Amino acid sequence: MKNSSIIDAHIHLWDIKHLDYPWLSQFPKINRTFSLSDYNKATAEQSIEKMIFVQAECKPSQFLKEVEWVQALSEKDERLSAIIPWAPLHTGNAVAEVLEKFAENPKIKGVRQLIQPQEDVNFCIHRDFVEAVKLLGKNNLHFELTIDPKHFPAVLKLVEKCPDTKFILNHIGNPSIVNKQLQPWKKHLKAFADSGPHYCKFSNLVCNADLEHWDIDDLRPYADTVIDVFGPEKLIWGSDWPHSLRASSWSKWFKTAVSLTEGLSEEKRTKVFRTNAIQFYNI
């Protein structure tokens, strides 16, 4: 893969002087500005054909400013090919106008509102949230699911209620790799994969492992599971940089992911690291 161009389907950028990111105070290691220049340095050993920006949890009141900021960055670097902004989906039909505006922007392909921090495991099947996710489909936008394993049962109900909306699961559903917990994550993952033509991001495994002491063998059972459950046709690699710096450099996670997929043919591996992203994000 070293000599092949890839697509990084999950990156974040933030400028802490431009927007506010309250969550960063919990993570001193990454509590600073991360720019495209920083990304270019981190990826200097690898050819990056395109990148997908995913919202970075600025203050909710600033979410449209984040879109404007990233849009401007994408005009300077055409590799920044897609934007996945935040939107207040919990407000139901009140978000309709925002989603219609997003749909007019060819760079915006979908929306992410985190479910993972929600203690209410049924958060995503509250009526207003479901109505907003339905609106995503009506606007030809997909939903990026970022959850913990405990949210899977409700997510399956959400998927059933929103048959016209596309879904992609971020970070393989965030299993507790540090605690070596395969179940019930594995069972839920298969149920999700079987519930529709969904995709899964092969990302963030390292941040769900022991941040300081993980090795590839810790990750392998989880990688093998997602490859088996989704197949290489529905997996999309992403770095989750710079959030992933909590556990790994960009290069170390990339090389680890390449090793974890060594059982695939070169054609199938290319799907994971390039082709599937082109197809799913229409870039």
Protein backbone atom coordinates (compact mmCIF):
# COMPACT_ATOMS: atom_id res chain seq x y z
CA MET A 1 0.00 0.00 0.00
CA LYS A 2 2.95 2.35 0.57
CA ASN A 3 3.22 3.27 -3.10
CA SER A 4 -0.54 3.55 -3.64
CA SER A 5 -2.67 6.64 -3.15
CA ILE A 6 -5.27 6.21 -0.44
CA ILE A 7 -8.28 8.10 0.86
CA ASP A 8 -8.40 9.08 4.50
CA ALA A 9 -12.12 8.93 5.22
CA HIS A 10 -12.08 10.36 8.73
CA ILE A 11 -9.99 13.38 9.68
CA HIS A 12 -10.57 16.29 12.01
CA LEU A 13 -9.08 19.77 11.94
CA TRP A 14 -9.50 22.51 14.50
CA ASP A 15 -8.24 25.97 15.27
CA ILE A 16 -8.73 26.70 18.95
CA LYS A 17 -8.32 30.43 18.33
CA HIS A 18 -11.16 30.41 15.79
CA LEU A 19 -13.74 28.12 17.41
CA ASP A 20 -14.34 26.65 20.86
CA TYR A 21 -13.92 22.93 21.59
CA PRO A 22 -14.82 22.39 25.26
CA TRP A 23 -14.08 18.65 25.15
CA LEU A 24 -10.39 19.24 24.38
CA SER A 25 -9.72 20.32 27.95
CA GLN A 26 -10.00 16.64 28.91
CA PHE A 27 -7.24 15.65 26.50
CA PRO A 28 -4.10 17.79 27.00
CA LYS A 29 -2.17 15.74 24.43
CA ILE A 30 -4.33 17.10 21.58
CA ASN A 31 -5.49 20.38 23.14
CA ARG A 32 -3.97 22.63 20.50
CA THR A 33 -4.66 23.73 16.93
CA PHE A 34 -4.31 21.06 14.22
CA SER A 35 -4.09 22.41 10.68
CA LEU A 36 -3.80 20.98 7.20
CA SER A 37 -0.10 21.75 7.42
CA ASP A 38 0.13 19.52 10.49
CA TYR A 39 -1.78 16.80 8.65
CA ASN A 40 0.59 17.02 5.69
CA LYS A 41 3.56 16.57 8.00
CA ALA A 42 1.93 13.61 9.71
CA THR A 43 1.23 11.89 6.38
CA ALA A 44 4.46 12.81 4.59
CA GLU A 45 5.40 9.16 3.98
CA GLN A 46 2.10 8.29 2.27
CA SER A 47 0.30 9.63 -0.81
CA ILE A 48 -3.14 10.91 0.22
CA GLU A 49 -5.51 11.30 -2.72
CA LYS A 50 -8.50 12.69 -0.83
CA MET A 51 -9.65 13.35 2.73
CA ILE A 52 -13.07 13.43 4.41
CA PHE A 53 -13.53 16.04 7.16
CA VAL A 54 -15.80 14.98 10.02
CA GLN A 55 -17.17 17.53 12.49
CA ALA A 56 -14.95 18.06 15.50
CA GLU A 57 -17.41 18.91 18.29
CA CYS A 58 -17.03 22.66 18.45
CA LYS A 59 -19.67 24.43 20.53
CA PRO A 60 -23.07 23.60 18.99
CA SER A 61 -23.79 27.27 18.45
CA GLN A 62 -20.74 27.45 16.16
CA PHE A 63 -21.53 24.49 13.88
CA LEU A 64 -22.25 26.62 10.81
CA LYS A 65 -19.02 28.56 11.36
CA GLU A 66 -17.18 25.24 11.37
CA VAL A 67 -18.68 24.41 7.97
CA GLU A 68 -17.64 27.80 6.57
CA TRP A 69 -14.13 27.38 7.94
CA VAL A 70 -13.64 23.90 6.48
CA GLN A 71 -15.20 24.96 3.17
CA ALA A 72 -12.56 27.68 2.91
CA LEU A 73 -9.82 25.15 3.67
CA SER A 74 -11.15 22.83 0.96
CA GLU A 75 -10.86 25.63 -1.58
CA LYS A 76 -7.13 25.85 -0.78
CA ASP A 77 -6.58 22.07 -0.82
CA GLU A 78 -8.83 20.23 -3.27
CA ARG A 79 -7.98 16.89 -1.64
CA LEU A 80 -10.41 17.88 1.14
CA SER A 81 -13.24 16.37 -0.85
CA ALA A 82 -16.15 15.99 1.57
CA ILE A 83 -17.49 17.61 4.72
CA ILE A 84 -19.58 15.88 7.40
CA PRO A 85 -20.93 18.65 9.64
CA TRP A 86 -22.83 18.53 12.91
CA ALA A 87 -26.50 19.42 12.93
CA PRO A 88 -29.06 19.54 15.77
CA LEU A 89 -30.95 16.42 14.74
CA HIS A 90 -32.50 16.22 18.21
CA THR A 91 -34.66 19.22 17.26
CA GLY A 92 -36.60 17.20 14.70
CA ASN A 93 -38.31 19.05 11.89
CA ALA A 94 -36.80 22.32 13.14
CA VAL A 95 -33.55 21.25 11.45
CA ALA A 96 -35.19 20.92 8.02
CA GLU A 97 -33.96 24.27 6.68
CA VAL A 98 -30.37 23.56 7.77
CA LEU A 99 -30.40 20.17 6.04
CA GLU A 100 -31.86 21.67 2.86
CA LYS A 101 -28.99 24.19 2.82
CA PHE A 102 -26.47 21.41 3.41
CA ALA A 103 -27.94 19.48 0.49
CA GLU A 104 -27.22 22.43 -1.81
CA ASN A 105 -23.51 22.23 -0.98
CA PRO A 106 -21.82 19.54 -3.13
CA LYS A 107 -19.07 19.08 -0.52
CA ILE A 108 -21.50 18.13 2.26
CA LYS A 109 -22.35 14.43 2.04
CA GLY A 110 -23.88 13.62 5.40
CA VAL A 111 -24.26 14.67 9.04
CA ARG A 112 -22.91 13.49 12.37
CA GLN A 113 -24.39 14.12 15.78
CA LEU A 114 -22.70 11.99 18.41
CA ILE A 115 -24.80 9.33 20.09
CA GLN A 116 -21.85 7.90 22.02
CA PRO A 117 -21.93 10.40 24.95
CA GLN A 118 -25.65 9.91 25.53
CA GLU A 119 -26.48 8.09 28.76
CA ASP A 120 -30.02 7.64 27.49
CA VAL A 121 -29.57 4.55 25.33
CA ASN A 122 -32.82 5.39 23.53
CA PHE A 123 -31.71 8.92 22.60
CA CYS A 124 -31.59 8.12 18.89
CA ILE A 125 -35.13 6.75 18.74
CA HIS A 126 -36.83 9.74 20.32
CA ARG A 127 -39.45 10.98 17.87
CA ASP A 128 -37.71 14.24 16.92
CA PHE A 129 -34.37 12.54 16.30
CA VAL A 130 -35.98 9.91 14.09
CA GLU A 131 -37.81 12.58 12.07
CA ALA A 132 -34.56 14.45 11.49
CA VAL A 133 -32.73 11.29 10.36
CA LYS A 134 -35.57 10.67 7.92
CA LEU A 135 -35.01 14.19 6.59
CA LEU A 136 -31.38 13.30 5.92
CA GLY A 137 -32.51 10.65 3.47
CA LYS A 138 -34.97 13.03 1.82
CA ASN A 139 -32.06 15.43 1.24
CA ASN A 140 -29.74 12.71 -0.08
CA LEU A 141 -27.54 12.99 3.00
CA HIS A 142 -26.35 10.04 5.08
CA PHE A 143 -25.96 9.67 8.84
CA GLU A 144 -22.60 8.94 10.47
CA LEU A 145 -23.19 6.78 13.53
CA THR A 146 -20.77 7.26 16.43
CA ILE A 147 -21.95 5.06 19.27
CA ASP A 148 -20.92 2.76 22.08
CA PRO A 149 -21.98 -0.90 21.94
CA LYS A 150 -24.79 -0.22 24.43
CA HIS A 151 -26.51 1.95 21.79
CA PHE A 152 -26.77 -0.80 19.17
CA PRO A 153 -30.30 -2.04 20.09
CA ALA A 154 -31.74 1.46 19.68
CA VAL A 155 -29.70 2.04 16.51
CA LEU A 156 -31.26 -1.06 14.96
CA LYS A 157 -34.68 0.45 15.63
CA LEU A 158 -33.56 3.79 14.16
CA VAL A 159 -32.38 2.05 10.99
CA GLU A 160 -35.70 0.23 10.69
CA LYS A 161 -37.62 3.51 11.05
CA CYS A 162 -35.47 5.30 8.43
CA PRO A 163 -35.29 2.95 5.41
CA ASP A 164 -34.48 5.76 2.97
CA THR A 165 -31.45 7.05 4.87
CA LYS A 166 -27.94 5.64 4.39
CA PHE A 167 -25.84 4.85 7.47
CA ILE A 168 -22.14 4.42 8.10
CA LEU A 169 -20.87 3.16 11.45
CA ASN A 170 -17.86 5.09 12.74
CA HIS A 171 -14.97 3.42 14.58
CA ILE A 172 -16.40 -0.12 14.26
CA GLY A 173 -18.91 0.74 16.99
CA ASN A 174 -16.28 1.53 19.65
CA PRO A 175 -15.83 -1.87 21.31
CA SER A 176 -13.93 -1.99 24.60
CA ILE A 177 -10.68 -3.37 23.23
CA VAL A 178 -8.80 -2.34 26.37
CA ASN A 179 -11.02 -4.76 28.34
CA LYS A 180 -10.90 -7.42 25.61
CA GLN A 181 -14.72 -7.40 25.35
CA LEU A 182 -15.83 -9.03 22.11
CA GLN A 183 -19.39 -9.63 23.24
CA PRO A 184 -22.04 -8.30 23.03
CA TRP A 185 -20.35 -5.95 20.53
CA LYS A 186 -19.76 -8.76 18.02
CA LYS A 187 -23.38 -9.91 18.13
CA HIS A 188 -24.68 -6.35 17.77
CA LEU A 189 -22.27 -5.59 14.92
CA LYS A 190 -23.56 -8.53 12.89
CA ALA A 191 -27.17 -7.54 13.54
CA PHE A 192 -26.40 -4.02 12.31
CA ALA A 193 -24.58 -5.27 9.21
CA ASP A 194 -27.48 -7.59 8.41
CA SER A 195 -30.07 -4.81 8.83
CA GLY A 196 -29.26 -2.99 5.59
CA PRO A 197 -26.61 -1.97 3.07
CA HIS A 198 -24.61 -0.13 5.71
CA TYR A 199 -20.93 0.69 5.68
CA CYS A 200 -18.44 0.63 8.54
CA LYS A 201 -15.36 2.76 9.15
CA PHE A 202 -12.22 0.82 9.93
CA SER A 203 -11.04 3.51 12.33
CA ASN A 204 -10.20 4.40 15.93
CA LEU A 205 -9.34 0.89 17.06
CA VAL A 206 -6.24 2.25 18.80
CA CYS A 207 -8.16 4.70 20.99
CA ASN A 208 -10.40 1.89 22.20
CA ALA A 209 -7.35 -0.15 23.22
CA ASP A 210 -4.80 0.55 25.95
CA LEU A 211 -3.63 3.99 24.81
CA GLU A 212 -0.06 3.57 26.01
CA HIS A 213 0.56 -0.15 25.63
CA TRP A 214 -1.57 -1.56 22.78
CA ASP A 215 -0.12 -3.82 20.15
CA ILE A 216 -1.47 -5.28 16.93
CA ASP A 217 -2.53 -8.54 18.57
CA ASP A 218 -4.90 -6.59 20.84
CA LEU A 219 -6.65 -5.21 17.76
CA ARG A 220 -6.65 -8.33 15.59
CA PRO A 221 -9.81 -10.07 16.91
CA TYR A 222 -11.80 -6.87 16.32
CA ALA A 223 -10.32 -6.26 12.88
CA ASP A 224 -10.98 -9.86 11.87
CA THR A 225 -14.57 -9.53 13.07
CA VAL A 226 -15.38 -6.41 11.04
CA ILE A 227 -13.71 -7.81 7.94
CA ASP A 228 -15.78 -10.98 8.31
CA VAL A 229 -19.06 -9.22 9.16
CA PHE A 230 -18.99 -6.38 6.62
CA GLY A 231 -16.63 -7.81 4.05
CA PRO A 232 -14.07 -5.65 2.26
CA GLU A 233 -16.87 -4.24 0.07
CA LYS A 234 -18.39 -2.29 3.00
CA LEU A 235 -15.33 -1.26 5.02
CA ILE A 236 -13.75 2.20 4.72
CA TRP A 237 -10.45 3.07 6.38
CA GLY A 238 -9.99 6.32 8.27
CA SER A 239 -7.25 7.72 10.49
CA ASP A 240 -9.37 9.67 13.01
CA TRP A 241 -6.38 12.03 13.14
CA PRO A 242 -5.60 14.01 15.28
CA HIS A 243 -7.87 12.41 17.88
CA SER A 244 -5.97 9.16 17.25
CA LEU A 245 -2.76 10.82 18.45
CA ARG A 246 -3.92 9.93 21.94
CA ALA A 247 -2.74 6.40 21.11
CA SER A 248 -0.73 6.44 17.88
CA SER A 249 0.93 8.49 15.21
CA TRP A 250 -0.88 8.67 11.86
CA SER A 251 1.76 6.42 10.27
CA LYS A 252 1.72 3.79 13.00
CA TRP A 253 -2.07 3.36 12.80
CA PHE A 254 -1.96 3.29 8.98
CA LYS A 255 0.77 0.64 8.92
CA THR A 256 -1.08 -1.36 11.57
CA ALA A 257 -4.29 -1.24 9.53
CA VAL A 258 -2.40 -2.39 6.44
CA SER A 259 -1.02 -5.34 8.43
CA LEU A 260 -4.47 -6.17 9.83
CA THR A 261 -5.81 -6.46 6.27
CA GLU A 262 -2.93 -8.51 4.89
CA GLY A 263 -5.22 -11.51 4.41
CA LEU A 264 -7.12 -9.63 1.70
CA SER A 265 -6.17 -9.59 -1.95
CA GLU A 266 -4.65 -6.35 -3.20
CA GLU A 267 -7.89 -5.56 -5.04
CA LYS A 268 -10.00 -6.02 -1.90
CA ARG A 269 -7.53 -4.10 0.24
CA THR A 270 -7.72 -1.21 -2.25
CA LYS A 271 -11.48 -1.18 -1.73
CA VAL A 272 -10.96 -0.63 2.01
CA PHE A 273 -8.32 2.08 1.63
CA ARG A 274 -9.65 3.88 -1.44
CA THR A 275 -12.46 2.65 -3.69
CA ASN A 276 -15.22 2.21 -1.13
CA ALA A 277 -14.79 5.79 0.10
CA ILE A 278 -15.08 7.10 -3.45
CA GLN A 279 -18.31 5.20 -3.93
CA PHE A 280 -19.93 5.88 -0.55
CA TYR A 281 -19.07 9.58 -0.41
CA ASN A 282 -19.47 10.15 -4.15
CA ILE A 283 -16.15 11.95 -4.43
